[in-house]
């Protein structure tokens, strides 16, 4: 038995190596934020990185908030 962040075990759940015995999910009080200086937020390299990062999180099944 283990308690884990779902994002860290999605592959194991999908492969059947782990099972979720209960339908209970607890929301974490911790968050991750993508920040940049306002005057640099529109730079192409920063925009591409932010888009890539959010796409990766979404592909891992993480909800986007805010």
C-alpha atoms as a PDB file:
ATOM      1  CA  UNK A   1       0.000   0.000   0.000  1.00  0.00           C
ATOM      2  CA  UNK A   2       1.233   3.472  -0.787  1.00  0.00           C
ATOM      3  CA  UNK A   3       0.104   7.053  -0.858  1.00  0.00           C
ATOM      4  CA  UNK A   4       1.411   8.870  -3.894  1.00  0.00           C
ATOM      5  CA  UNK A   5       0.838  11.818  -6.141  1.00  0.00           C
ATOM      6  CA  UNK A   6      -1.223  10.463  -9.004  1.00  0.00           C
ATOM      7  CA  UNK A   7       0.939  12.196 -11.618  1.00  0.00           C
ATOM      8  CA  UNK A   8       3.905  10.144 -10.417  1.00  0.00           C
ATOM      9  CA  UNK A   9       2.144   6.789 -10.872  1.00  0.00           C
ATOM     10  CA  UNK A  10      -0.063   7.289 -13.940  1.00  0.00           C
ATOM     11  CA  UNK A  11       2.039   4.944 -16.076  1.00  0.00           C
ATOM     12  CA  UNK A  12       1.951   2.240 -13.395  1.00  0.00           C
ATOM     13  CA  UNK A  13      -1.816   2.569 -13.034  1.00  0.00           C
ATOM     14  CA  UNK A  14      -2.290   2.379 -16.806  1.00  0.00           C
ATOM     15  CA  UNK A  15      -0.031  -0.694 -17.048  1.00  0.00           C
ATOM     16  CA  UNK A  16      -1.835  -2.447 -14.192  1.00  0.00           C
ATOM     17  CA  UNK A  17       1.259  -2.585 -11.969  1.00  0.00           C
ATOM     18  CA  UNK A  18      -0.657  -0.565  -9.408  1.00  0.00           C
ATOM     19  CA  UNK A  19      -4.361  -0.460  -8.687  1.00  0.00           C
ATOM     20  CA  UNK A  20      -6.439   2.196  -7.042  1.00  0.00           C
ATOM     21  CA  UNK A  21      -8.566   0.220  -4.556  1.00  0.00           C
ATOM     22  CA  UNK A  22     -10.767   3.174  -3.584  1.00  0.00           C
ATOM     23  CA  UNK A  23     -12.250   6.035  -5.544  1.00  0.00           C
ATOM     24  CA  UNK A  24     -10.892   8.555  -3.057  1.00  0.00           C
ATOM     25  CA  UNK A  25      -8.640  11.352  -4.278  1.00  0.00           C
ATOM     26  CA  UNK A  26      -7.351  14.086  -2.018  1.00  0.00           C
ATOM     27  CA  UNK A  27      -6.448  17.462  -3.434  1.00  0.00           C
ATOM     28  CA  UNK A  28      -3.014  18.659  -2.409  1.00  0.00           C
ATOM     29  CA  UNK A  29      -2.583  22.061  -0.812  1.00  0.00           C
ATOM     30  CA  UNK A  30       0.591  22.445  -2.883  1.00  0.00           C
ATOM     31  CA  UNK A  31       0.716  23.929  -6.358  1.00  0.00           C
ATOM     32  CA  UNK A  32       3.191  24.650  -9.105  1.00  0.00           C
ATOM     33  CA  UNK A  33       3.189  27.961 -10.890  1.00  0.00           C
ATOM     34  CA  UNK A  34       4.639  29.110 -14.181  1.00  0.00           C
ATOM     35  CA  UNK A  35       5.892  32.654 -13.716  1.00  0.00           C
ATOM     36  CA  UNK A  36       7.851  35.170 -15.732  1.00  0.00           C
ATOM     37  CA  UNK A  37       8.446  38.871 -15.696  1.00  0.00           C
ATOM     38  CA  UNK A  38       5.521  40.602 -17.435  1.00  0.00           C
ATOM     39  CA  UNK A  39       7.811  42.348 -19.910  1.00  0.00           C
ATOM     40  CA  UNK A  40       9.355  39.002 -20.915  1.00  0.00           C
ATOM     41  CA  UNK A  41       6.255  36.798 -20.936  1.00  0.00           C
ATOM     42  CA  UNK A  42       5.689  37.259 -24.669  1.00  0.00           C
ATOM     43  CA  UNK A  43       9.225  36.346 -25.722  1.00  0.00           C
ATOM     44  CA  UNK A  44       8.978  33.403 -28.141  1.00  0.00           C
ATOM     45  CA  UNK A  45      11.304  31.135 -26.151  1.00  0.00           C
ATOM     46  CA  UNK A  46       9.412  31.727 -22.900  1.00  0.00           C
ATOM     47  CA  UNK A  47       6.058  31.271 -24.615  1.00  0.00           C
ATOM     48  CA  UNK A  48       7.202  27.988 -26.214  1.00  0.00           C
ATOM     49  CA  UNK A  49       8.542  26.658 -22.910  1.00  0.00           C
ATOM     50  CA  UNK A  50       5.364  27.577 -21.018  1.00  0.00           C
ATOM     51  CA  UNK A  51       3.204  25.959 -23.709  1.00  0.00           C
ATOM     52  CA  UNK A  52       5.358  22.809 -23.716  1.00  0.00           C
ATOM     53  CA  UNK A  53       5.289  22.582 -19.912  1.00  0.00           C
ATOM     54  CA  UNK A  54       1.511  22.941 -19.711  1.00  0.00           C
ATOM     55  CA  UNK A  55       1.046  20.429 -22.557  1.00  0.00           C
ATOM     56  CA  UNK A  56       3.226  17.897 -20.732  1.00  0.00           C
ATOM     57  CA  UNK A  57       1.253  18.339 -17.527  1.00  0.00           C
ATOM     58  CA  UNK A  58      -1.992  17.934 -19.423  1.00  0.00           C
ATOM     59  CA  UNK A  59      -0.723  14.797 -21.170  1.00  0.00           C
ATOM     60  CA  UNK A  60       0.039  13.376 -17.728  1.00  0.00           C
ATOM     61  CA  UNK A  61      -3.550  13.973 -16.707  1.00  0.00           C
ATOM     62  CA  UNK A  62      -2.895  16.925 -14.446  1.00  0.00           C
ATOM     63  CA  UNK A  63      -5.709  19.458 -14.292  1.00  0.00           C
ATOM     64  CA  UNK A  64      -4.984  23.023 -15.284  1.00  0.00           C
ATOM     65  CA  UNK A  65      -6.195  25.529 -12.738  1.00  0.00           C
ATOM     66  CA  UNK A  66      -6.306  29.285 -12.900  1.00  0.00           C
END
